[in-house]
N, C-alpha and C. Protein backbone atom coordinates (compact mmCIF):
# COMPACT_ATOMS: atom_id res chain seq x y z
N MET A 1 -53.27 -76.63 117.24
CA MET A 1 -54.20 -77.16 116.26
C MET A 1 -55.48 -76.32 116.28
N LYS A 2 -55.96 -75.96 115.10
CA LYS A 2 -57.18 -75.17 114.98
C LYS A 2 -58.41 -76.05 115.15
N SER A 3 -59.44 -75.46 115.76
CA SER A 3 -60.71 -76.18 115.87
C SER A 3 -61.43 -76.11 114.53
N TYR A 4 -62.39 -77.00 114.34
CA TYR A 4 -63.14 -76.97 113.09
C TYR A 4 -63.95 -75.68 112.98
N GLN A 5 -64.36 -75.10 114.14
CA GLN A 5 -65.08 -73.83 114.10
C GLN A 5 -64.20 -72.71 113.54
N ASP A 6 -62.94 -72.69 113.96
CA ASP A 6 -62.01 -71.68 113.45
C ASP A 6 -61.77 -71.86 111.95
N ILE A 7 -61.62 -73.10 111.53
CA ILE A 7 -61.39 -73.38 110.11
C ILE A 7 -62.62 -72.95 109.30
N ASN A 8 -63.82 -73.30 109.77
CA ASN A 8 -65.04 -72.90 109.08
C ASN A 8 -65.17 -71.39 109.01
N ARG A 9 -64.91 -70.70 110.14
CA ARG A 9 -65.00 -69.23 110.17
C ARG A 9 -64.04 -68.60 109.17
N GLU A 10 -62.82 -69.06 109.15
CA GLU A 10 -61.83 -68.52 108.22
C GLU A 10 -62.23 -68.77 106.77
N THR A 11 -62.78 -69.94 106.50
CA THR A 11 -63.21 -70.27 105.14
C THR A 11 -64.35 -69.36 104.70
N ILE A 12 -65.38 -69.25 105.53
CA ILE A 12 -66.53 -68.40 105.19
C ILE A 12 -66.09 -66.95 105.07
N ASP A 13 -65.25 -66.48 105.98
CA ASP A 13 -64.76 -65.09 105.91
C ASP A 13 -64.04 -64.83 104.59
N SER A 14 -63.26 -65.80 104.12
CA SER A 14 -62.55 -65.59 102.85
C SER A 14 -63.55 -65.56 101.68
N TRP A 15 -64.60 -66.38 101.74
CA TRP A 15 -65.63 -66.34 100.69
C TRP A 15 -66.34 -64.99 100.68
N VAL A 16 -66.62 -64.46 101.87
CA VAL A 16 -67.28 -63.15 101.97
C VAL A 16 -66.41 -62.07 101.35
N GLU A 17 -65.12 -62.09 101.65
CA GLU A 17 -64.20 -61.11 101.09
C GLU A 17 -64.15 -61.18 99.57
N GLU A 18 -64.39 -62.36 99.01
CA GLU A 18 -64.39 -62.55 97.56
C GLU A 18 -65.74 -62.22 96.92
N GLY A 19 -66.73 -61.80 97.75
CA GLY A 19 -68.02 -61.40 97.22
C GLY A 19 -69.07 -62.50 97.16
N TRP A 20 -68.95 -63.48 98.00
CA TRP A 20 -69.90 -64.60 98.04
C TRP A 20 -71.33 -64.08 98.17
N VAL A 21 -72.16 -64.34 97.19
CA VAL A 21 -73.51 -63.77 97.12
C VAL A 21 -74.39 -64.20 98.29
N TRP A 22 -74.17 -65.38 98.84
CA TRP A 22 -75.00 -65.87 99.94
C TRP A 22 -74.69 -65.18 101.27
N ALA A 23 -73.69 -64.34 101.29
CA ALA A 23 -73.33 -63.64 102.53
C ALA A 23 -73.80 -62.19 102.53
N ILE A 24 -74.46 -61.76 101.46
CA ILE A 24 -74.92 -60.37 101.39
C ILE A 24 -76.17 -60.21 102.25
N PRO A 25 -76.13 -59.32 103.24
CA PRO A 25 -77.31 -59.15 104.09
C PRO A 25 -78.46 -58.49 103.33
N ILE A 26 -79.67 -58.72 103.81
CA ILE A 26 -80.82 -58.06 103.19
C ILE A 26 -80.84 -56.60 103.62
N SER A 27 -81.52 -55.79 102.82
CA SER A 27 -81.65 -54.37 103.15
C SER A 27 -82.74 -54.17 104.20
N HIS A 28 -82.77 -53.00 104.77
CA HIS A 28 -83.82 -52.67 105.73
C HIS A 28 -85.19 -52.72 105.05
N GLU A 29 -85.25 -52.27 103.80
CA GLU A 29 -86.51 -52.30 103.06
C GLU A 29 -87.00 -53.73 102.87
N GLU A 30 -86.08 -54.64 102.52
CA GLU A 30 -86.45 -56.05 102.37
C GLU A 30 -86.94 -56.63 103.70
N TYR A 31 -86.32 -56.22 104.78
CA TYR A 31 -86.74 -56.65 106.11
C TYR A 31 -88.16 -56.20 106.40
N LEU A 32 -88.44 -54.93 106.11
CA LEU A 32 -89.78 -54.40 106.36
C LEU A 32 -90.82 -55.10 105.48
N GLU A 33 -90.48 -55.37 104.23
CA GLU A 33 -91.39 -56.09 103.35
C GLU A 33 -91.67 -57.49 103.89
N ALA A 34 -90.65 -58.16 104.40
CA ALA A 34 -90.83 -59.51 104.95
C ALA A 34 -91.77 -59.47 106.15
N GLN A 35 -91.66 -58.44 106.96
CA GLN A 35 -92.56 -58.31 108.10
C GLN A 35 -94.01 -58.16 107.65
N ASN A 36 -94.20 -57.64 106.46
CA ASN A 36 -95.54 -57.44 105.92
C ASN A 36 -95.97 -58.59 105.00
N GLY A 37 -95.25 -59.71 105.03
CA GLY A 37 -95.64 -60.90 104.29
C GLY A 37 -95.07 -61.02 102.89
N LYS A 38 -94.29 -60.06 102.44
CA LYS A 38 -93.69 -60.13 101.11
C LYS A 38 -92.24 -60.59 101.26
N TRP A 39 -92.01 -61.89 101.02
CA TRP A 39 -90.68 -62.45 101.21
C TRP A 39 -90.44 -63.60 100.25
N ASP A 40 -89.20 -63.90 100.03
CA ASP A 40 -88.76 -65.07 99.30
C ASP A 40 -87.48 -65.57 99.93
N VAL A 41 -87.38 -66.87 100.08
CA VAL A 41 -86.16 -67.52 100.54
C VAL A 41 -85.75 -68.47 99.43
N LEU A 42 -84.51 -68.38 99.02
CA LEU A 42 -84.04 -69.22 97.92
C LEU A 42 -83.36 -70.49 98.43
N LEU A 43 -83.73 -71.62 97.85
CA LEU A 43 -83.05 -72.88 98.14
C LEU A 43 -81.77 -72.99 97.33
N THR A 44 -81.82 -72.47 96.11
CA THR A 44 -80.68 -72.40 95.21
C THR A 44 -80.75 -71.00 94.60
N PRO A 45 -79.80 -70.61 93.78
CA PRO A 45 -79.86 -69.27 93.20
C PRO A 45 -81.14 -68.97 92.41
N THR A 46 -81.90 -70.01 92.02
CA THR A 46 -83.08 -69.75 91.19
C THR A 46 -84.37 -70.39 91.70
N VAL A 47 -84.34 -71.16 92.79
CA VAL A 47 -85.53 -71.87 93.25
C VAL A 47 -85.98 -71.34 94.61
N PRO A 48 -87.09 -70.56 94.64
CA PRO A 48 -87.57 -70.07 95.93
C PRO A 48 -88.34 -71.14 96.71
N VAL A 49 -88.34 -70.99 98.02
CA VAL A 49 -89.12 -71.87 98.89
C VAL A 49 -90.60 -71.56 98.66
N PRO A 50 -91.45 -72.58 98.51
CA PRO A 50 -92.88 -72.29 98.37
C PRO A 50 -93.43 -71.58 99.62
N HIS A 51 -94.28 -70.62 99.44
CA HIS A 51 -94.81 -69.85 100.57
C HIS A 51 -95.75 -70.67 101.45
N GLU A 52 -96.41 -71.64 100.88
CA GLU A 52 -97.31 -72.45 101.69
C GLU A 52 -96.51 -73.41 102.54
């Protein structure tokens, strides 16, 4: 019997293979910008988290 962790991993891995947008890593440039205070985190595909 598979554990729920294995089932979750397999599910997410299959979504990634299909191009799941939420699994795309940020670029190094985006990382550097975030370190300098320029960042956005999305709650949904169109709603960013307020910076305050």
